[in-house]
Amino acid sequence: MADLTVGLTLSRGAARLFELLHEAACEVVEKRAYTTLPDAVTFHLPQGLLAAAAGYTDRHVRRLLPELVTAGLIDWGAHASKVRGMSLWDGCLWCVRVRAGDTLPRISPVEWRHQWRDFAGDIDTNNTAKALMSGLHACEGENDAPHGFLKTWAVNPGNIKKPVVSSSDMGDEEAAGRVPDMREVVYRLGDLMHVHPTKRAERVGRLASALSRALGDAHSRRFYCSLLWQAWRGETEGRGALQTLMSALLRLEADRQEWKDLRSPGALLVARLRAA
């Protein structure tokens, strides 16, 4: 962790928060078994649990977090779930840097939309952060109890469904002969806006390769390169083109699962993008 904070001026409180978040992020990386260590990892965690592990109040934690964001160490925000037609806050998302790299921590649109926990089920079974915090009072003699719960929740928040998984280096997957999952590819598309300009062409090439292989359309890699560049330019111009592409790809993947004899996924994708 020291190599991530070298040269940074952090208050003692902010440094303590990052230490806890970094430990949780490393636990998540280990349990998700990434093929390549990403620059940053995103997970779900109630802010109150972080405060308890640090020994701070929720208010003090909120005052410290801007230091970590400004330093480029984390991105974070409150997350909501639909429960019986209502939007309820179910905790927070944290994108935490785990290694030095060119990409700043950013929570992607895919991660914001992901259902990190079965919140309705957790409410029905009283498996909530509030209940957990109440239970921590019974562990007051165990100083490390909140710390342990913090890492456990980050890995498995409530009745979690399959977590968002990604690889920061699609080239390693290609070398290993692994066909990428479409969700992994889409997850990484959001990074294009934050990659250093000198690294962007290389990232587009890797993403295009992964995309063509995920769609079983490897001979069309150059086409997908062009598509990604168009989406990136549209995003920089404020037209939301990258988000449109990500949504179209997820819809296309669902169609491919149901329509097994789909022969031209690229043509269908282009048609939908033109209609968007």
Protein backbone atom coordinates (compact mmCIF):
# COMPACT_ATOMS: atom_id res chain seq x y z
CA MET A 1 0.00 0.00 0.00
CA ALA A 2 2.90 2.37 0.70
CA ASP A 3 3.67 2.76 -3.02
CA LEU A 4 0.16 4.13 -3.57
CA THR A 5 0.47 6.91 -1.01
CA VAL A 6 4.11 7.92 -1.52
CA GLY A 7 4.33 11.66 -2.14
CA LEU A 8 0.78 12.25 -0.90
CA THR A 9 -0.05 14.42 2.09
CA LEU A 10 -2.88 12.69 3.92
CA SER A 11 -4.20 13.40 7.38
CA ARG A 12 -3.90 10.59 9.90
CA GLY A 13 -7.65 9.97 9.67
CA ALA A 14 -7.70 9.78 5.88
CA ALA A 15 -4.70 7.46 5.89
CA ARG A 16 -6.50 5.19 8.36
CA LEU A 17 -9.59 5.04 6.15
CA PHE A 18 -7.55 4.19 3.07
CA GLU A 19 -5.71 1.46 4.98
CA LEU A 20 -9.05 -0.17 5.83
CA LEU A 21 -10.50 0.26 2.34
CA HIS A 22 -7.33 -1.07 0.74
CA GLU A 23 -7.39 -4.16 2.98
CA ALA A 24 -11.02 -4.77 2.03
CA ALA A 25 -10.21 -4.28 -1.66
CA CYS A 26 -7.33 -6.76 -1.48
CA GLU A 27 -9.65 -9.28 0.16
CA VAL A 28 -12.12 -8.80 -2.69
CA VAL A 29 -9.37 -9.25 -5.29
CA GLU A 30 -8.31 -12.50 -3.66
CA LYS A 31 -11.83 -13.94 -3.45
CA ARG A 32 -12.79 -12.92 -6.99
CA ALA A 33 -9.64 -14.58 -8.34
CA TYR A 34 -8.83 -11.98 -11.00
CA THR A 35 -6.66 -13.30 -13.82
CA THR A 36 -4.81 -9.96 -13.76
CA LEU A 37 -4.61 -7.52 -10.87
CA PRO A 38 -6.73 -4.46 -11.80
CA ASP A 39 -5.67 -0.90 -11.05
CA ALA A 40 -8.75 -0.52 -8.85
CA VAL A 41 -11.55 -2.72 -7.58
CA THR A 42 -15.18 -1.87 -6.78
CA PHE A 43 -17.19 -3.35 -3.94
CA HIS A 44 -20.22 -2.65 -1.75
CA LEU A 45 -19.87 -1.59 1.87
CA PRO A 46 -22.01 0.43 4.31
CA GLN A 47 -20.32 3.63 5.38
CA GLY A 48 -21.30 2.95 8.99
CA LEU A 49 -19.30 -0.26 9.01
CA LEU A 50 -16.23 1.58 7.72
CA ALA A 51 -16.69 4.17 10.47
CA ALA A 52 -16.98 1.46 13.13
CA ALA A 53 -13.82 -0.28 11.91
CA ALA A 54 -11.92 3.03 11.98
CA GLY A 55 -13.36 4.07 15.35
CA TYR A 56 -14.82 7.26 13.84
CA THR A 57 -18.29 8.75 13.61
CA ASP A 58 -20.13 8.70 10.26
CA ARG A 59 -19.80 12.49 10.09
CA HIS A 60 -16.04 12.37 10.58
CA VAL A 61 -15.72 9.74 7.86
CA ARG A 62 -17.63 11.95 5.42
CA ARG A 63 -15.27 14.82 6.22
CA LEU A 64 -12.20 12.66 5.51
CA LEU A 65 -13.30 10.98 2.28
CA PRO A 66 -12.75 14.04 0.00
CA GLU A 67 -9.02 13.78 0.80
CA LEU A 68 -8.90 10.27 -0.65
CA VAL A 69 -10.91 11.25 -3.73
CA THR A 70 -8.70 14.28 -4.41
CA ALA A 71 -5.60 12.10 -4.00
CA GLY A 72 -6.89 9.73 -6.70
CA LEU A 73 -7.09 6.79 -4.29
CA ILE A 74 -10.84 6.11 -4.29
CA ASP A 75 -14.18 6.87 -5.89
CA TRP A 76 -17.33 6.33 -3.86
CA GLY A 77 -21.03 7.10 -3.57
CA ALA A 78 -24.31 5.99 -2.01
CA HIS A 79 -26.07 3.13 -3.81
CA ALA A 80 -29.83 2.52 -4.03
CA SER A 81 -31.97 -0.54 -4.71
CA LYS A 82 -35.60 -0.88 -5.77
CA VAL A 83 -37.67 -2.42 -2.99
CA ARG A 84 -41.40 -2.85 -3.64
CA GLY A 85 -41.35 0.03 -6.10
CA MET A 86 -39.36 2.38 -3.86
CA SER A 87 -35.72 3.44 -4.19
CA LEU A 88 -33.95 2.83 -0.88
CA TRP A 89 -30.32 3.42 0.01
CA ASP A 90 -28.69 0.02 0.51
CA GLY A 91 -25.12 1.11 1.33
CA CYS A 92 -22.20 2.60 -0.58
CA LEU A 93 -20.02 1.61 -3.54
CA TRP A 94 -16.27 2.01 -3.22
CA CYS A 95 -13.77 1.90 -6.07
CA VAL A 96 -10.36 1.59 -4.41
CA ARG A 97 -6.93 1.73 -6.04
CA VAL A 98 -4.95 -1.44 -5.42
CA ARG A 99 -1.94 -0.79 -7.63
CA ALA A 100 -0.25 2.13 -9.36
CA GLY A 101 -1.55 2.70 -12.88
CA ASP A 102 -2.79 5.20 -15.44
CA THR A 103 -6.51 4.76 -14.67
CA LEU A 104 -8.08 6.72 -11.85
CA PRO A 105 -10.58 4.85 -9.65
CA ARG A 106 -14.04 5.35 -11.15
CA ILE A 107 -17.31 3.55 -10.45
CA SER A 108 -18.66 2.60 -13.87
CA PRO A 109 -22.30 2.85 -15.01
CA VAL A 110 -22.45 -0.94 -15.07
CA GLU A 111 -21.41 -1.06 -11.42
CA TRP A 112 -23.97 1.56 -10.43
CA ARG A 113 -26.72 -0.52 -12.05
CA HIS A 114 -25.51 -3.83 -10.62
CA GLN A 115 -27.62 -5.47 -7.89
CA TRP A 116 -24.94 -5.96 -5.28
CA ARG A 117 -27.27 -7.49 -2.71
CA ASP A 118 -30.79 -8.84 -2.37
CA PHE A 119 -31.85 -5.82 -0.35
CA ALA A 120 -35.53 -6.76 -0.15
CA GLY A 121 -34.60 -10.21 1.12
CA ASP A 122 -32.11 -8.73 3.57
CA ILE A 123 -34.81 -6.45 4.99
CA ASP A 124 -37.22 -9.36 5.38
CA THR A 125 -34.59 -11.43 7.23
CA ASN A 126 -33.17 -8.47 9.18
CA ASN A 127 -29.85 -9.03 7.48
CA THR A 128 -29.09 -5.31 7.31
CA ALA A 129 -26.19 -3.04 8.17
CA LYS A 130 -28.27 -1.56 11.00
CA ALA A 131 -28.76 -5.01 12.52
CA LEU A 132 -25.07 -5.77 12.08
CA MET A 133 -24.09 -2.52 13.79
CA SER A 134 -26.39 -3.38 16.69
CA GLY A 135 -24.73 -6.76 16.94
CA LEU A 136 -21.31 -5.15 17.11
CA HIS A 137 -22.20 -3.71 20.50
CA ALA A 138 -22.17 -7.28 21.80
CA CYS A 139 -18.57 -7.57 20.56
CA GLU A 140 -17.25 -4.47 22.29
CA GLY A 141 -14.55 -6.54 23.96
CA GLU A 142 -13.33 -7.79 20.58
CA ASN A 143 -11.49 -4.82 19.12
CA ASP A 144 -11.05 -6.46 15.72
CA ALA A 145 -14.69 -7.46 15.24
CA PRO A 146 -15.70 -4.46 13.05
CA HIS A 147 -12.51 -4.92 11.01
CA GLY A 148 -13.38 -8.56 10.31
CA PHE A 149 -16.97 -7.74 9.44
CA LEU A 150 -15.78 -5.01 7.06
CA LYS A 151 -13.78 -7.46 4.93
CA THR A 152 -16.52 -10.09 5.09
CA TRP A 153 -19.17 -7.64 3.89
CA ALA A 154 -16.97 -6.31 1.08
CA VAL A 155 -16.61 -9.85 -0.28
CA ASN A 156 -20.20 -10.94 0.35
CA PRO A 157 -22.63 -8.04 1.04
CA GLY A 158 -25.81 -9.64 2.33
CA ASN A 159 -27.26 -12.26 0.00
CA ILE A 160 -25.00 -11.19 -2.85
CA LYS A 161 -25.51 -12.40 -6.37
CA LYS A 162 -22.64 -12.88 -8.82
CA PRO A 163 -20.31 -9.89 -8.41
CA VAL A 164 -19.12 -7.76 -11.28
CA VAL A 165 -15.79 -9.26 -12.37
CA SER A 166 -13.26 -7.82 -14.72
CA SER A 167 -9.72 -8.12 -15.98
CA SER A 168 -7.62 -5.02 -16.44
CA ASP A 169 -5.55 -6.69 -19.12
CA MET A 170 -7.58 -8.43 -21.84
CA GLY A 171 -4.34 -9.32 -23.58
CA ASP A 172 -3.52 -11.89 -20.89
CA GLU A 173 -6.88 -13.57 -21.48
CA GLU A 174 -6.23 -13.77 -25.20
CA ALA A 175 -2.81 -15.30 -24.61
CA ALA A 176 -4.40 -17.87 -22.31
CA GLY A 177 -7.02 -18.71 -24.93
CA ARG A 178 -9.88 -17.67 -22.68
CA VAL A 179 -13.03 -16.24 -24.26
CA PRO A 180 -13.97 -13.13 -22.26
CA ASP A 181 -17.39 -12.77 -20.71
CA MET A 182 -19.33 -9.88 -22.25
CA ARG A 183 -19.98 -8.34 -18.85
CA GLU A 184 -16.24 -8.18 -18.25
CA VAL A 185 -15.68 -6.39 -21.55
CA VAL A 186 -18.49 -3.91 -20.97
CA TYR A 187 -17.19 -3.26 -17.46
CA ARG A 188 -13.82 -2.21 -18.86
CA LEU A 189 -15.29 0.07 -21.54
CA GLY A 190 -16.01 2.67 -18.89
CA ASP A 191 -12.26 2.99 -18.28
CA LEU A 192 -11.64 4.48 -21.72
CA MET A 193 -12.49 7.98 -20.53
CA HIS A 194 -9.93 7.80 -17.73
CA VAL A 195 -6.98 6.05 -19.41
CA HIS A 196 -3.94 8.23 -20.07
CA PRO A 197 -3.99 9.48 -23.70
CA THR A 198 -0.70 7.71 -24.46
CA LYS A 199 -2.24 4.40 -23.38
CA ARG A 200 -5.67 4.79 -24.97
CA ALA A 201 -4.90 3.32 -28.41
CA GLU A 202 -3.44 0.21 -26.81
CA ARG A 203 -6.49 -0.15 -24.54
CA VAL A 204 -8.87 0.25 -27.49
CA GLY A 205 -7.01 -2.48 -29.37
CA ARG A 206 -7.21 -4.88 -26.45
CA LEU A 207 -10.87 -4.16 -25.86
CA ALA A 208 -11.64 -4.63 -29.55
CA SER A 209 -9.89 -8.00 -29.50
CA ALA A 210 -11.77 -9.06 -26.39
CA LEU A 211 -15.07 -7.82 -27.82
CA SER A 212 -14.66 -9.64 -31.11
CA ARG A 213 -13.80 -12.86 -29.29
CA ALA A 214 -16.66 -12.50 -26.83
CA LEU A 215 -19.05 -12.19 -29.77
CA GLY A 216 -17.48 -15.07 -31.67
CA ASP A 217 -16.59 -12.61 -34.43
CA ALA A 218 -12.78 -12.59 -34.25
CA HIS A 219 -12.29 -11.72 -37.94
CA SER A 220 -14.01 -8.33 -37.34
CA ARG A 221 -11.51 -6.91 -34.85
CA ARG A 222 -10.78 -3.82 -36.97
CA PHE A 223 -14.51 -3.11 -37.19
CA TYR A 224 -14.81 -3.18 -33.39
CA CYS A 225 -11.75 -0.92 -33.08
CA SER A 226 -13.51 1.62 -35.27
CA LEU A 227 -16.71 1.24 -33.26
CA LEU A 228 -14.91 1.87 -29.98
CA TRP A 229 -13.16 4.96 -31.30
CA GLN A 230 -16.49 6.35 -32.53
CA ALA A 231 -18.02 5.72 -29.11
CA TRP A 232 -15.09 7.39 -27.35
CA ARG A 233 -15.31 10.48 -29.57
CA GLY A 234 -19.08 10.66 -29.07
CA GLU A 235 -18.58 10.48 -25.30
CA THR A 236 -16.03 13.31 -25.33
CA GLU A 237 -18.53 15.39 -27.31
CA GLY A 238 -21.16 14.90 -24.62
CA ARG A 239 -23.45 12.57 -26.61
CA GLY A 240 -23.25 9.65 -24.19
CA ALA A 241 -22.11 7.35 -27.00
CA LEU A 242 -20.03 5.08 -24.78
CA GLN A 243 -22.94 4.43 -22.44
CA THR A 244 -25.18 3.73 -25.44
CA LEU A 245 -22.67 1.20 -26.76
CA MET A 246 -22.39 -0.52 -23.38
CA SER A 247 -26.16 -0.88 -23.12
CA ALA A 248 -26.40 -2.16 -26.70
CA LEU A 249 -23.69 -4.76 -26.06
CA LEU A 250 -25.45 -6.11 -22.99
CA ARG A 251 -28.70 -6.34 -24.93
CA LEU A 252 -26.91 -8.06 -27.81
CA GLU A 253 -25.38 -10.61 -25.46
CA ALA A 254 -28.83 -11.43 -24.08
CA ASP A 255 -30.08 -11.92 -27.64
CA ARG A 256 -27.17 -14.20 -28.46
CA GLN A 257 -28.04 -16.42 -25.52
CA GLU A 258 -31.60 -16.82 -26.78
CA TRP A 259 -30.91 -16.70 -30.54
CA LYS A 260 -28.27 -19.39 -30.96
CA ASP A 261 -28.09 -19.15 -34.77
CA LEU A 262 -27.33 -15.41 -34.85
CA ARG A 263 -24.62 -15.14 -37.52
CA SER A 264 -23.94 -11.41 -37.76
CA PRO A 265 -23.84 -9.89 -34.26
CA GLY A 266 -21.87 -6.90 -35.55
CA ALA A 267 -24.53 -6.03 -38.12
CA LEU A 268 -27.29 -6.25 -35.50
CA LEU A 269 -25.24 -4.09 -33.15
CA VAL A 270 -24.70 -1.39 -35.78
CA ALA A 271 -28.40 -1.38 -36.67
CA ARG A 272 -29.36 -0.83 -33.06
CA LEU A 273 -26.78 1.89 -32.53
CA ARG A 274 -28.07 3.76 -35.58
CA ALA A 275 -31.60 3.52 -34.20
CA ALA A 276 -30.54 4.72 -30.73
